[in-house]
Amino acid sequence: MIFVTRNMKVRIFWTAALILLGAMCGHAEVLNKVAAVVNQDIITTYELEREIESVLAGEAAAGRPSPADNVALRQQVLEQLIEQKLVNQRVRELGLEVSEAEVEEAIDDVVKQNNITRDQLRQALAAQNLSLNDYREKLRQQILRFKLIGREVQSKVEVSEREVRDYFRENIDSFRGDPTVSLAYLQFAIPRDSMIGNTQVEDIRERAREALALLRQGEDFYSTIFIYSTDDNVDGGDLGTFTRDELRPSFARAVEGLEEGEVTDLIETPEGIFILSVEGRHPGPIRRFDTVKDEIREKLLSQDREQRFQEWSRTLKKDAHIEILI
């Protein structure tokens, strides 16, 4: 799971798979054996099975199917636990620590960045059979890991201006704003008169259906507006240019998937019956390089940092005494 505190300027998504660091309190139904020896530490089958359960619960909570290859999953999880043991051993050697205040700050970041409350966080964790204390321990491990990265590999991490510009050019579409759509409208208003009868309302609907049929036959949209403009309750013209979020939901749904020149079906609203014409679709504007370069640099630094940490971790594993006993 990706974890970063506020100072690290990276968002965290709490529904990612979490590692459950439960107490080894031997349940009667679980046969607790040694799964692996990592230098002076051991990984038990109890730890392994609980971690596999946590990963599967995380996948289910995210709506993803369970991995088809249970053997491969078991091996992958064991490798992750071995790496974590090695990291923890190095953390102890260096005397790195995490204060309660740092953990609290990390939790505050989680709820703030995801716009949730602590109660909502607890509920989401409970869906994965996790407690807030489990989560706090995971956050503590992630902070320690980040501190270890800073200690062991941070000095080697660097990103040049050219790399930042190359990334911007190669991923230009990732830096566009929201696309927009330009619309014209034809409105058949339904008077808000308590005396108007159902027959009159149906007459208005019939006029709208006639206009739509005319448009379907290829009549120009503005010509159609002119044809029906003699009716006092008919209006039309340019509606404007909007992002999807700026449109009322019924309009956004109606124009979804329509190409330039196509018209919607009838849209009934409290203000009347509308027909919309898609006059144009426009890709979002590209953000200026100077407004995104820091964002790109941080992303590339994070990628380089993680890559170098994995290389460092492989070296650590190569020099360690590791026995897999299952």
C-alpha atoms as a PDB file:
ATOM      1  CA  MET A   1       0.000   0.000   0.000  1.00  0.00           C
ATOM      2  CA  ILE A   2       1.235   3.483  -0.764  1.00  0.00           C
ATOM      3  CA  PHE A   3       1.523   5.615   2.348  1.00  0.00           C
ATOM      4  CA  VAL A   4       2.805   9.100   2.792  1.00  0.00           C
ATOM      5  CA  THR A   5       2.379  11.770   5.454  1.00  0.00           C
ATOM      6  CA  ARG A   6       1.397  15.373   4.757  1.00  0.00           C
ATOM      7  CA  ASN A   7       5.021  16.386   4.595  1.00  0.00           C
ATOM      8  CA  MET A   8       5.637  13.824   1.858  1.00  0.00           C
ATOM      9  CA  LYS A   9       2.916  15.433  -0.323  1.00  0.00           C
ATOM     10  CA  VAL A  10       1.555  12.117  -1.582  1.00  0.00           C
ATOM     11  CA  ARG A  11      -2.053  10.927  -1.170  1.00  0.00           C
ATOM     12  CA  ILE A  12      -2.935   7.656   0.482  1.00  0.00           C
ATOM     13  CA  PHE A  13      -5.929   5.478  -0.362  1.00  0.00           C
ATOM     14  CA  TRP A  14      -7.026   3.555   2.694  1.00  0.00           C
ATOM     15  CA  THR A  15      -8.858   0.793   0.779  1.00  0.00           C
ATOM     16  CA  ALA A  16      -5.579  -0.656  -0.544  1.00  0.00           C
ATOM     17  CA  ALA A  17      -4.527  -4.071   0.829  1.00  0.00           C
ATOM     18  CA  LEU A  18      -3.243  -3.690   4.388  1.00  0.00           C
ATOM     19  CA  ILE A  19      -0.830  -5.889   6.272  1.00  0.00           C
ATOM     20  CA  LEU A  20      -2.332  -7.259   9.445  1.00  0.00           C
ATOM     21  CA  LEU A  21       0.260  -7.389  12.182  1.00  0.00           C
ATOM     22  CA  GLY A  22      -1.872  -9.297  14.666  1.00  0.00           C
ATOM     23  CA  ALA A  23      -0.535 -10.591  17.961  1.00  0.00           C
ATOM     24  CA  MET A  24       0.655 -14.172  17.741  1.00  0.00           C
ATOM     25  CA  CYS A  25      -1.957 -15.351  20.172  1.00  0.00           C
ATOM     26  CA  GLY A  26      -2.316 -18.940  18.878  1.00  0.00           C
ATOM     27  CA  HIS A  27      -5.912 -19.911  18.171  1.00  0.00           C
ATOM     28  CA  ALA A  28      -6.639 -23.555  18.836  1.00  0.00           C
ATOM     29  CA  GLU A  29      -7.697 -24.193  15.259  1.00  0.00           C
ATOM     30  CA  VAL A  30      -4.488 -22.761  13.759  1.00  0.00           C
ATOM     31  CA  LEU A  31      -1.391 -24.932  13.742  1.00  0.00           C
ATOM     32  CA  ASN A  32       1.405 -22.405  14.215  1.00  0.00           C
ATOM     33  CA  LYS A  33       4.647 -23.522  12.580  1.00  0.00           C
ATOM     34  CA  VAL A  34       7.743 -21.721  11.379  1.00  0.00           C
ATOM     35  CA  ALA A  35       7.278 -20.714   7.749  1.00  0.00           C
ATOM     36  CA  ALA A  36      10.638 -18.989   7.313  1.00  0.00           C
ATOM     37  CA  VAL A  37      13.744 -17.925   9.212  1.00  0.00           C
ATOM     38  CA  VAL A  38      15.102 -14.457   8.431  1.00  0.00           C
ATOM     39  CA  ASN A  39      18.429 -13.969  10.210  1.00  0.00           C
ATOM     40  CA  GLN A  40      17.456 -13.995  13.898  1.00  0.00           C
ATOM     41  CA  ASP A  41      13.708 -13.624  13.299  1.00  0.00           C
ATOM     42  CA  ILE A  42      11.021 -16.084  12.253  1.00  0.00           C
ATOM     43  CA  ILE A  43       7.831 -15.851  10.208  1.00  0.00           C
ATOM     44  CA  THR A  44       5.103 -18.196  11.415  1.00  0.00           C
ATOM     45  CA  THR A  45       2.424 -19.907   9.372  1.00  0.00           C
ATOM     46  CA  TYR A  46      -0.070 -18.014  11.519  1.00  0.00           C
ATOM     47  CA  GLU A  47       1.378 -14.686  10.359  1.00  0.00           C
ATOM     48  CA  LEU A  48       1.383 -15.889   6.769  1.00  0.00           C
ATOM     49  CA  GLU A  49      -2.233 -17.087   6.793  1.00  0.00           C
ATOM     50  CA  ARG A  50      -3.481 -13.914   8.475  1.00  0.00           C
ATOM     51  CA  GLU A  51      -1.678 -11.801   5.895  1.00  0.00           C
ATOM     52  CA  ILE A  52      -3.155 -13.837   3.037  1.00  0.00           C
ATOM     53  CA  GLU A  53      -6.620 -13.358   4.586  1.00  0.00           C
ATOM     54  CA  SER A  54      -5.991  -9.613   4.781  1.00  0.00           C
ATOM     55  CA  VAL A  55      -4.924  -9.415   1.141  1.00  0.00           C
ATOM     56  CA  LEU A  56      -7.999 -11.370   0.010  1.00  0.00           C
ATOM     57  CA  ALA A  57     -10.273  -9.174   2.136  1.00  0.00           C
ATOM     58  CA  GLY A  58      -8.706  -6.090   0.595  1.00  0.00           C
ATOM     59  CA  GLU A  59      -9.309  -7.424  -2.912  1.00  0.00           C
ATOM     60  CA  ALA A  60     -12.928  -8.204  -2.060  1.00  0.00           C
ATOM     61  CA  ALA A  61     -13.484  -4.754  -0.519  1.00  0.00           C
ATOM     62  CA  ALA A  62     -12.116  -3.170  -3.706  1.00  0.00           C
ATOM     63  CA  GLY A  63     -14.485  -5.257  -5.821  1.00  0.00           C
ATOM     64  CA  ARG A  64     -11.723  -7.288  -7.431  1.00  0.00           C
ATOM     65  CA  PRO A  65     -11.836 -11.074  -7.882  1.00  0.00           C
ATOM     66  CA  SER A  66      -9.642 -13.270  -5.723  1.00  0.00           C
ATOM     67  CA  PRO A  67      -6.331 -14.329  -7.311  1.00  0.00           C
ATOM     68  CA  ALA A  68      -6.752 -17.555  -9.276  1.00  0.00           C
ATOM     69  CA  ASP A  69      -3.315 -18.927  -8.349  1.00  0.00           C
ATOM     70  CA  ASN A  70      -3.282 -19.499  -4.586  1.00  0.00           C
ATOM     71  CA  VAL A  71       0.241 -20.940  -4.665  1.00  0.00           C
ATOM     72  CA  ALA A  72       1.590 -17.830  -6.376  1.00  0.00           C
ATOM     73  CA  LEU A  73      -0.282 -15.590  -3.919  1.00  0.00           C
ATOM     74  CA  ARG A  74       1.136 -17.504  -0.965  1.00  0.00           C
ATOM     75  CA  GLN A  75       4.662 -17.164  -2.358  1.00  0.00           C
ATOM     76  CA  GLN A  76       4.207 -13.472  -3.052  1.00  0.00           C
ATOM     77  CA  VAL A  77       2.903 -12.761   0.438  1.00  0.00           C
ATOM     78  CA  LEU A  78       5.731 -14.729   2.034  1.00  0.00           C
ATOM     79  CA  GLU A  79       8.283 -12.730   0.031  1.00  0.00           C
ATOM     80  CA  GLN A  80       6.675  -9.514   1.263  1.00  0.00           C
ATOM     81  CA  LEU A  81       6.844 -10.694   4.859  1.00  0.00           C
ATOM     82  CA  ILE A  82      10.512 -11.621   4.438  1.00  0.00           C
ATOM     83  CA  GLU A  83      11.245  -8.168   3.054  1.00  0.00           C
ATOM     84  CA  GLN A  84       9.395  -6.580   5.960  1.00  0.00           C
ATOM     85  CA  LYS A  85      11.435  -8.579   8.469  1.00  0.00           C
ATOM     86  CA  LEU A  86      14.654  -7.434   6.821  1.00  0.00           C
ATOM     87  CA  VAL A  87      13.469  -3.823   6.815  1.00  0.00           C
ATOM     88  CA  ASN A  88      12.520  -4.049  10.493  1.00  0.00           C
ATOM     89  CA  GLN A  89      15.900  -5.502  11.354  1.00  0.00           C
ATOM     90  CA  ARG A  90      17.675  -2.647   9.609  1.00  0.00           C
ATOM     91  CA  VAL A  91      15.378  -0.158  11.321  1.00  0.00           C
ATOM     92  CA  ARG A  92      16.402  -1.592  14.701  1.00  0.00           C
ATOM     93  CA  GLU A  93      20.082  -1.415  13.757  1.00  0.00           C
ATOM     94  CA  LEU A  94      19.751   2.267  12.881  1.00  0.00           C
ATOM     95  CA  GLY A  95      17.614   3.064  15.922  1.00  0.00           C
ATOM     96  CA  LEU A  96      14.815   4.602  13.847  1.00  0.00           C
ATOM     97  CA  GLU A  97      11.584   5.321  15.701  1.00  0.00           C
ATOM     98  CA  VAL A  98       8.105   6.696  15.031  1.00  0.00           C
ATOM     99  CA  SER A  99       6.302   8.807  17.617  1.00  0.00           C
ATOM    100  CA  GLU A 100       2.587   8.637  18.395  1.00  0.00           C
ATOM    101  CA  ALA A 101       2.292  12.197  17.092  1.00  0.00           C
ATOM    102  CA  GLU A 102       3.610  11.085  13.687  1.00  0.00           C
ATOM    103  CA  VAL A 103       1.070   8.266  13.513  1.00  0.00           C
ATOM    104  CA  GLU A 104      -1.746  10.645  14.485  1.00  0.00           C
ATOM    105  CA  GLU A 105      -0.627  13.087  11.800  1.00  0.00           C
ATOM    106  CA  ALA A 106      -0.680  10.284   9.236  1.00  0.00           C
ATOM    107  CA  ILE A 107      -4.242   9.297  10.205  1.00  0.00           C
ATOM    108  CA  ASP A 108      -5.303  12.941  10.003  1.00  0.00           C
ATOM    109  CA  ASP A 109      -3.882  13.013   6.467  1.00  0.00           C
ATOM    110  CA  VAL A 110      -5.825   9.879   5.516  1.00  0.00           C
ATOM    111  CA  VAL A 111      -9.188  11.262   6.605  1.00  0.00           C
ATOM    112  CA  LYS A 112      -8.461  14.697   5.142  1.00  0.00           C
ATOM    113  CA  GLN A 113      -7.217  13.536   1.738  1.00  0.00           C
ATOM    114  CA  ASN A 114     -10.125  11.100   1.351  1.00  0.00           C
ATOM    115  CA  ASN A 115     -12.713  13.517   2.794  1.00  0.00           C
ATOM    116  CA  ILE A 116     -13.925  11.024   5.382  1.00  0.00           C
ATOM    117  CA  THR A 117     -14.328  10.914   9.161  1.00  0.00           C
ATOM    118  CA  ARG A 118     -12.516   8.623  11.543  1.00  0.00           C
ATOM    119  CA  ASP A 119     -15.742   6.688  12.043  1.00  0.00           C
ATOM    120  CA  GLN A 120     -15.968   6.137   8.276  1.00  0.00           C
ATOM    121  CA  LEU A 121     -12.344   4.986   8.278  1.00  0.00           C
ATOM    122  CA  ARG A 122     -13.141   2.508  11.062  1.00  0.00           C
ATOM    123  CA  GLN A 123     -16.114   1.203   9.084  1.00  0.00           C
ATOM    124  CA  ALA A 124     -14.013   0.730   5.947  1.00  0.00           C
ATOM    125  CA  LEU A 125     -11.349  -1.112   7.930  1.00  0.00           C
ATOM    126  CA  ALA A 126     -13.951  -3.283   9.644  1.00  0.00           C
ATOM    127  CA  ALA A 127     -15.129  -4.418   6.206  1.00  0.00           C
ATOM    128  CA  GLN A 128     -11.650  -5.935   5.836  1.00  0.00           C
ATOM    129  CA  ASN A 129     -11.674  -7.416   9.351  1.00  0.00           C
ATOM    130  CA  LEU A 130      -9.190  -4.795  10.520  1.00  0.00           C
ATOM    131  CA  SER A 131      -9.233  -2.569  13.592  1.00  0.00           C
ATOM    132  CA  LEU A 132      -7.957   0.979  13.830  1.00  0.00           C
ATOM    133  CA  ASN A 133      -5.081  -0.336  15.970  1.00  0.00           C
ATOM    134  CA  ASP A 134      -4.104  -2.702  13.141  1.00  0.00           C
ATOM    135  CA  TYR A 135      -4.126   0.244  10.782  1.00  0.00           C
ATOM    136  CA  ARG A 136      -2.088   2.406  13.152  1.00  0.00           C
ATOM    137  CA  GLU A 137       0.580  -0.300  13.255  1.00  0.00           C
ATOM    138  CA  LYS A 138       0.645  -0.467   9.464  1.00  0.00           C
ATOM    139  CA  LEU A 139       1.032   3.290   9.248  1.00  0.00           C
ATOM    140  CA  ARG A 140       3.860   3.095  11.775  1.00  0.00           C
ATOM    141  CA  GLN A 141       5.619   0.515   9.574  1.00  0.00           C
ATOM    142  CA  GLN A 142       5.144   2.678   6.491  1.00  0.00           C
ATOM    143  CA  ILE A 143       6.610   5.740   8.221  1.00  0.00           C
ATOM    144  CA  LEU A 144       9.581   3.680   9.360  1.00  0.00           C
ATOM    145  CA  ARG A 145      10.005   2.418   5.819  1.00  0.00           C
ATOM    146  CA  PHE A 146       9.999   5.956   4.487  1.00  0.00           C
ATOM    147  CA  LYS A 147      12.552   7.023   7.081  1.00  0.00           C
ATOM    148  CA  LEU A 148      14.688   4.050   6.107  1.00  0.00           C
ATOM    149  CA  ILE A 149      14.474   5.030   2.444  1.00  0.00           C
ATOM    150  CA  GLY A 150      15.607   8.518   3.405  1.00  0.00           C
ATOM    151  CA  ARG A 151      18.517   7.085   5.351  1.00  0.00           C
ATOM    152  CA  GLU A 152      19.662   4.445   2.855  1.00  0.00           C
ATOM    153  CA  VAL A 153      18.843   5.639  -0.658  1.00  0.00           C
ATOM    154  CA  GLN A 154      17.573   9.245  -0.620  1.00  0.00           C
ATOM    155  CA  SER A 155      20.989  10.744  -1.349  1.00  0.00           C
ATOM    156  CA  LYS A 156      21.169   8.765  -4.604  1.00  0.00           C
ATOM    157  CA  VAL A 157      17.752   9.893  -5.874  1.00  0.00           C
ATOM    158  CA  GLU A 158      17.727  12.654  -8.458  1.00  0.00           C
ATOM    159  CA  VAL A 159      15.599  13.845 -11.381  1.00  0.00           C
ATOM    160  CA  SER A 160      16.866  16.246 -14.033  1.00  0.00           C
ATOM    161  CA  GLU A 161      14.913  19.086 -15.646  1.00  0.00           C
ATOM    162  CA  ARG A 162      15.132  17.241 -18.953  1.00  0.00           C
ATOM    163  CA  GLU A 163      13.511  14.141 -17.435  1.00  0.00           C
ATOM    164  CA  VAL A 164      10.675  16.281 -16.114  1.00  0.00           C
ATOM    165  CA  ARG A 165      10.091  17.895 -19.530  1.00  0.00           C
ATOM    166  CA  ASP A 166      10.299  14.543 -21.323  1.00  0.00           C
ATOM    167  CA  TYR A 167       7.679  13.093 -18.998  1.00  0.00           C
ATOM    168  CA  PHE A 168       5.416  16.086 -19.625  1.00  0.00           C
ATOM    169  CA  ARG A 169       5.673  15.690 -23.407  1.00  0.00           C
ATOM    170  CA  GLU A 170       5.201  11.914 -23.347  1.00  0.00           C
ATOM    171  CA  ASN A 171       2.158  12.104 -21.053  1.00  0.00           C
ATOM    172  CA  ILE A 172       0.623  15.338 -22.303  1.00  0.00           C
ATOM    173  CA  ASP A 173      -2.961  14.033 -22.179  1.00  0.00           C
ATOM    174  CA  SER A 174      -2.589  13.414 -18.453  1.00  0.00           C
ATOM    175  CA  PHE A 175      -2.247  17.154 -17.947  1.00  0.00           C
ATOM    176  CA  ARG A 176      -5.392  18.273 -19.720  1.00  0.00           C
ATOM    177  CA  GLY A 177      -8.317  19.878 -17.978  1.00  0.00           C
ATOM    178  CA  ASP A 178     -11.822  18.445 -18.235  1.00  0.00           C
ATOM    179  CA  PRO A 179     -13.218  18.187 -21.790  1.00  0.00           C
ATOM    180  CA  THR A 180     -16.147  20.456 -22.667  1.00  0.00           C
ATOM    181  CA  VAL A 181     -19.218  20.282 -24.887  1.00  0.00           C
ATOM    182  CA  SER A 182     -20.953  23.195 -26.655  1.00  0.00           C
ATOM    183  CA  LEU A 183     -24.736  22.902 -26.784  1.00  0.00           C
ATOM    184  CA  ALA A 184     -27.737  24.531 -28.423  1.00  0.00           C
ATOM    185  CA  TYR A 185     -31.244  24.037 -27.049  1.00  0.00           C
ATOM    186  CA  LEU A 186     -34.877  23.974 -28.059  1.00  0.00           C
ATOM    187  CA  GLN A 187     -37.279  24.345 -25.140  1.00  0.00           C
ATOM    188  CA  PHE A 188     -41.008  23.739 -25.022  1.00  0.00           C
ATOM    189  CA  ALA A 189     -41.980  25.348 -21.738  1.00  0.00           C
ATOM    190  CA  ILE A 190     -44.835  23.935 -19.683  1.00  0.00           C
ATOM    191  CA  PRO A 191     -46.629  26.867 -18.001  1.00  0.00           C
ATOM    192  CA  ARG A 192     -46.676  26.710 -14.220  1.00  0.00           C
ATOM    193  CA  ASP A 193     -50.391  27.349 -14.088  1.00  0.00           C
ATOM    194  CA  SER A 194     -52.536  25.282 -11.805  1.00  0.00           C
ATOM    195  CA  MET A 195     -55.357  25.609 -14.341  1.00  0.00           C
ATOM    196  CA  ILE A 196     -53.440  23.990 -17.226  1.00  0.00           C
ATOM    197  CA  GLY A 197     -54.863  20.585 -18.009  1.00  0.00           C
ATOM    198  CA  ASN A 198     -53.304  17.284 -18.956  1.00  0.00           C
ATOM    199  CA  THR A 199     -54.581  17.703 -22.506  1.00  0.00           C
ATOM    200  CA  GLN A 200     -52.646  20.961 -22.917  1.00  0.00           C
ATOM    201  CA  VAL A 201     -49.496  19.386 -21.482  1.00  0.00           C
ATOM    202  CA  GLU A 202     -49.848  16.492 -23.911  1.00  0.00           C
ATOM    203  CA  ASP A 203     -50.248  18.964 -26.793  1.00  0.00           C
ATOM    204  CA  ILE A 204     -46.919  20.543 -25.791  1.00  0.00           C
ATOM    205  CA  ARG A 205     -45.284  17.115 -25.684  1.00  0.00           C
ATOM    206  CA  GLU A 206     -46.662  16.323 -29.126  1.00  0.00           C
ATOM    207  CA  ARG A 207     -45.176  19.549 -30.540  1.00  0.00           C
ATOM    208  CA  ALA A 208     -41.818  18.580 -29.019  1.00  0.00           C
ATOM    209  CA  ARG A 209     -42.052  15.116 -30.562  1.00  0.00           C
ATOM    210  CA  GLU A 210     -42.799  16.671 -33.962  1.00  0.00           C
ATOM    211  CA  ALA A 211     -39.733  18.921 -33.662  1.00  0.00           C
ATOM    212  CA  LEU A 212     -37.549  15.969 -32.706  1.00  0.00           C
ATOM    213  CA  ALA A 213     -38.832  13.967 -35.697  1.00  0.00           C
ATOM    214  CA  LEU A 214     -37.999  16.891 -37.961  1.00  0.00           C
ATOM    215  CA  LEU A 215     -34.483  17.035 -36.588  1.00  0.00           C
ATOM    216  CA  ARG A 216     -34.092  13.277 -37.006  1.00  0.00           C
ATOM    217  CA  GLN A 217     -34.950  13.743 -40.673  1.00  0.00           C
ATOM    218  CA  GLY A 218     -32.005  16.122 -41.069  1.00  0.00           C
ATOM    219  CA  GLU A 219     -33.520  19.578 -40.529  1.00  0.00           C
ATOM    220  CA  ASP A 220     -31.038  22.199 -39.302  1.00  0.00           C
ATOM    221  CA  PHE A 221     -31.319  22.805 -35.561  1.00  0.00           C
ATOM    222  CA  TYR A 222     -31.571  26.596 -35.764  1.00  0.00           C
ATOM    223  CA  SER A 223     -34.061  26.351 -38.606  1.00  0.00           C
ATOM    224  CA  THR A 224     -36.188  24.128 -36.408  1.00  0.00           C
ATOM    225  CA  ILE A 225     -36.008  26.688 -33.610  1.00  0.00           C
ATOM    226  CA  PHE A 226     -37.255  29.322 -36.085  1.00  0.00           C
ATOM    227  CA  ILE A 227     -40.119  27.088 -37.257  1.00  0.00           C
ATOM    228  CA  TYR A 228     -41.459  26.622 -33.720  1.00  0.00           C
ATOM    229  CA  SER A 229     -40.594  30.087 -32.377  1.00  0.00           C
ATOM    230  CA  THR A 230     -44.085  31.375 -33.262  1.00  0.00           C
ATOM    231  CA  ASP A 231     -45.327  29.459 -30.204  1.00  0.00           C
ATOM    232  CA  ASP A 232     -45.193  31.614 -27.065  1.00  0.00           C
ATOM    233  CA  ASN A 233     -43.929  28.705 -24.981  1.00  0.00           C
ATOM    234  CA  VAL A 234     -41.007  27.844 -27.305  1.00  0.00           C
ATOM    235  CA  ASP A 235     -37.492  29.197 -26.878  1.00  0.00           C
ATOM    236  CA  GLY A 236     -34.101  28.152 -28.173  1.00  0.00           C
ATOM    237  CA  GLY A 237     -30.595  29.115 -29.182  1.00  0.00           C
ATOM    238  CA  ASP A 238     -27.045  28.772 -27.934  1.00  0.00           C
ATOM    239  CA  LEU A 239     -26.869  27.237 -24.462  1.00  0.00           C
ATOM    240  CA  GLY A 240     -23.115  27.571 -23.902  1.00  0.00           C
ATOM    241  CA  THR A 241     -20.027  25.428 -23.316  1.00  0.00           C
ATOM    242  CA  PHE A 242     -19.766  23.187 -20.266  1.00  0.00           C
ATOM    243  CA  THR A 243     -17.769  20.449 -18.583  1.00  0.00           C
ATOM    244  CA  ARG A 244     -19.789  17.386 -17.614  1.00  0.00           C
ATOM    245  CA  ASP A 245     -19.877  18.453 -13.962  1.00  0.00           C
ATOM    246  CA  GLU A 246     -21.272  21.868 -14.916  1.00  0.00           C
ATOM    247  CA  LEU A 247     -24.311  20.382 -16.669  1.00  0.00           C
ATOM    248  CA  ARG A 248     -27.453  19.415 -14.808  1.00  0.00           C
ATOM    249  CA  PRO A 249     -27.456  15.606 -14.453  1.00  0.00           C
ATOM    250  CA  SER A 250     -30.342  15.018 -16.883  1.00  0.00           C
ATOM    251  CA  PHE A 251     -28.565  17.054 -19.578  1.00  0.00           C
ATOM    252  CA  ALA A 252     -25.218  15.334 -18.927  1.00  0.00           C
ATOM    253  CA  ARG A 253     -26.803  11.897 -19.291  1.00  0.00           C
ATOM    254  CA  ALA A 254     -28.671  12.921 -22.451  1.00  0.00           C
ATOM    255  CA  VAL A 255     -25.589  14.162 -24.342  1.00  0.00           C
ATOM    256  CA  GLU A 256     -23.305  11.341 -23.165  1.00  0.00           C
ATOM    257  CA  GLY A 257     -21.806   9.636 -26.216  1.00  0.00           C
ATOM    258  CA  LEU A 258     -23.359  12.005 -28.774  1.00  0.00           C
ATOM    259  CA  GLU A 259     -21.119  13.328 -31.537  1.00  0.00           C
ATOM    260  CA  GLU A 260     -21.070  16.839 -32.971  1.00  0.00           C
ATOM    261  CA  GLY A 261     -24.288  17.509 -34.911  1.00  0.00           C
ATOM    262  CA  GLU A 262     -26.365  14.900 -33.073  1.00  0.00           C
ATOM    263  CA  VAL A 263     -29.414  15.714 -30.959  1.00  0.00           C
ATOM    264  CA  THR A 264     -30.776  14.229 -27.753  1.00  0.00           C
ATOM    265  CA  ASP A 265     -34.095  12.571 -27.119  1.00  0.00           C
ATOM    266  CA  LEU A 266     -36.735  14.631 -25.345  1.00  0.00           C
ATOM    267  CA  ILE A 267     -35.632  15.701 -21.859  1.00  0.00           C
ATOM    268  CA  GLU A 268     -38.462  16.520 -19.462  1.00  0.00           C
ATOM    269  CA  THR A 269     -37.609  18.916 -16.633  1.00  0.00           C
ATOM    270  CA  PRO A 270     -39.653  21.123 -14.274  1.00  0.00           C
ATOM    271  CA  GLU A 271     -39.022  24.006 -16.704  1.00  0.00           C
ATOM    272  CA  GLY A 272     -40.340  22.128 -19.713  1.00  0.00           C
ATOM    273  CA  ILE A 273     -39.264  19.739 -22.453  1.00  0.00           C
ATOM    274  CA  PHE A 274     -35.786  20.195 -23.964  1.00  0.00           C
ATOM    275  CA  ILE A 275     -34.004  18.986 -27.064  1.00  0.00           C
ATOM    276  CA  LEU A 276     -30.241  19.562 -27.038  1.00  0.00           C
ATOM    277  CA  SER A 277     -27.908  19.686 -30.013  1.00  0.00           C
ATOM    278  CA  VAL A 278     -24.195  18.938 -29.625  1.00  0.00           C
ATOM    279  CA  GLU A 279     -22.544  21.830 -31.458  1.00  0.00           C
ATOM    280  CA  GLY A 280     -18.992  20.794 -30.639  1.00  0.00           C
ATOM    281  CA  ARG A 281     -16.764  18.768 -28.352  1.00  0.00           C
ATOM    282  CA  HIS A 282     -13.447  20.113 -27.141  1.00  0.00           C
ATOM    283  CA  PRO A 283     -10.546  18.412 -25.341  1.00  0.00           C
ATOM    284  CA  GLY A 284      -9.598  20.003 -22.064  1.00  0.00           C
ATOM    285  CA  PRO A 285      -6.918  22.697 -22.150  1.00  0.00           C
ATOM    286  CA  ILE A 286      -3.374  21.548 -21.450  1.00  0.00           C
ATOM    287  CA  ARG A 287      -2.063  22.815 -18.149  1.00  0.00           C
ATOM    288  CA  ARG A 288       1.029  25.008 -18.373  1.00  0.00           C
ATOM    289  CA  PHE A 289       4.310  23.224 -17.740  1.00  0.00           C
ATOM    290  CA  ASP A 290       5.357  25.580 -14.957  1.00  0.00           C
ATOM    291  CA  THR A 291       2.169  24.720 -13.032  1.00  0.00           C
ATOM    292  CA  VAL A 292       2.760  20.950 -13.156  1.00  0.00           C
ATOM    293  CA  LYS A 293       6.539  20.562 -13.139  1.00  0.00           C
ATOM    294  CA  ASP A 294       6.750  20.206  -9.336  1.00  0.00           C
ATOM    295  CA  GLU A 295       4.027  17.552  -9.448  1.00  0.00           C
ATOM    296  CA  ILE A 296       5.928  15.665 -12.164  1.00  0.00           C
ATOM    297  CA  ARG A 297       9.230  15.983 -10.331  1.00  0.00           C
ATOM    298  CA  GLU A 298       7.728  14.549  -7.142  1.00  0.00           C
ATOM    299  CA  LYS A 299       6.203  11.658  -9.082  1.00  0.00           C
ATOM    300  CA  LEU A 300       9.526  10.842 -10.764  1.00  0.00           C
ATOM    301  CA  LEU A 301      11.424  11.206  -7.495  1.00  0.00           C
ATOM    302  CA  SER A 302       8.979   8.814  -5.848  1.00  0.00           C
ATOM    303  CA  GLN A 303       9.421   6.276  -8.651  1.00  0.00           C
ATOM    304  CA  ASP A 304      13.220   6.558  -8.539  1.00  0.00           C
ATOM    305  CA  ARG A 305      13.183   6.352  -4.745  1.00  0.00           C
ATOM    306  CA  GLU A 306      11.094   3.176  -4.804  1.00  0.00           C
ATOM    307  CA  GLN A 307      13.228   1.582  -7.526  1.00  0.00           C
ATOM    308  CA  ARG A 308      16.434   2.267  -5.630  1.00  0.00           C
ATOM    309  CA  PHE A 309      14.858   0.984  -2.424  1.00  0.00           C
ATOM    310  CA  GLN A 310      13.914  -2.277  -4.148  1.00  0.00           C
ATOM    311  CA  GLU A 311      17.491  -2.616  -5.400  1.00  0.00           C
ATOM    312  CA  TRP A 312      18.755  -1.947  -1.878  1.00  0.00           C
ATOM    313  CA  SER A 313      16.259  -4.486  -0.522  1.00  0.00           C
ATOM    314  CA  ARG A 314      17.462  -7.155  -2.954  1.00  0.00           C
ATOM    315  CA  THR A 315      21.025  -6.572  -1.785  1.00  0.00           C
ATOM    316  CA  LEU A 316      19.870  -6.845   1.826  1.00  0.00           C
ATOM    317  CA  LYS A 317      18.138 -10.130   1.020  1.00  0.00           C
ATOM    318  CA  LYS A 318      21.187 -11.461  -0.805  1.00  0.00           C
ATOM    319  CA  ASP A 319      23.360 -10.897   2.253  1.00  0.00           C
ATOM    320  CA  ALA A 320      20.824 -12.266   4.734  1.00  0.00           C
ATOM    321  CA  HIS A 321      20.384 -15.784   6.101  1.00  0.00           C
ATOM    322  CA  ILE A 322      16.968 -16.875   4.880  1.00  0.00           C
ATOM    323  CA  GLU A 323      15.435 -20.335   5.173  1.00  0.00           C
ATOM    324  CA  ILE A 324      11.969 -21.103   3.797  1.00  0.00           C
ATOM    325  CA  LEU A 325      10.555 -24.092   5.654  1.00  0.00           C
ATOM    326  CA  ILE A 326       7.189 -24.631   3.982  1.00  0.00           C
END
